[in-house]
Amino acid sequence: MFLLLKKRNIIIGLIVVALTVSLCLAVTATVTSAYSVPKTGITVVIDAGHGGADGGVVGVTTSVKESDVNLSIARSLKHFLKTKGYDVVMTRTTTDGLYGMTTKNRKLKDMQERKKIIENANADLVVSIHCNSYPRADQTGAQVFYAPGSVDGKQKAEVMQSVLKDTLGTTRSAMSGDYFILQCSAVPSLLVECGFLTTPSEEKLLVSSEYQEKIAYSIFTGIHTMLSSDNPSIT
């Protein structure tokens, strides 16, 4: 009896191992196939705003940190771009800031590191992800900013803003903005404020994983629309 039980346990163990291996191979195949698409030859830098000690805006009811919302949207945006054949460079991939623990001026170091990543990426476009704030809790809507004086940046920002109007219902218009991240290189750069964490109704949306993915897909659509119009070979 003991030998029979032992043999049965061995057989069950082998079956479990086989099923586990099969599942792992299936997952690996799915992930691999998701990115096994023709390359566009275009690189996009995604900048998840804030991070580390700099949490950015704080949600008015949930106290959620803007930096966490930004990172979640940035990760989803990366996925959508990769599945369409774009190369993606992220300035921030974790909740940490881009500096060491002993750094004195962390904000300055963080921005310097982002600038370095953007300069070294040899990218075609930079998109920085943020959430907005306002003293009154009555402001809503995503808005796109571009570097002052950048004709190309303005055109691309208006394309992105148009897509956000169609997909998210925002009534805002693209504007120039004197933001550091928009002026790190000569590459066209956009800053997308995804909504207001200081307005409870919009904060409720922004903390939702479903809405974060919706925003990411909307931004992806804007990127693909503007870049495919510049490059007819992209489908």
Foldseek 3Di string as FASTA:
>chain_A
DVVVVVVVVVVVVVVVVVVVVVVVVVVVVVVVVLQPDAAPPAEEEEEQPDAAPGQDDAFPPPRHGFSVLSLLLSVLLCSVCSSLRYHYHYLDNDRHAQDDPPDDPRVVNRLVSSLVSVVVRPHQEYEYETADEDPDQPDWDKEKEAAPPDPLLQVLRQLLRVLRCVQVVGPDGYYYDPDSSRVSDPHTYMYMHGIYSHHVVVVVLSVDSVSSSSSSVSNSVSVCVVVCVVPVVRD
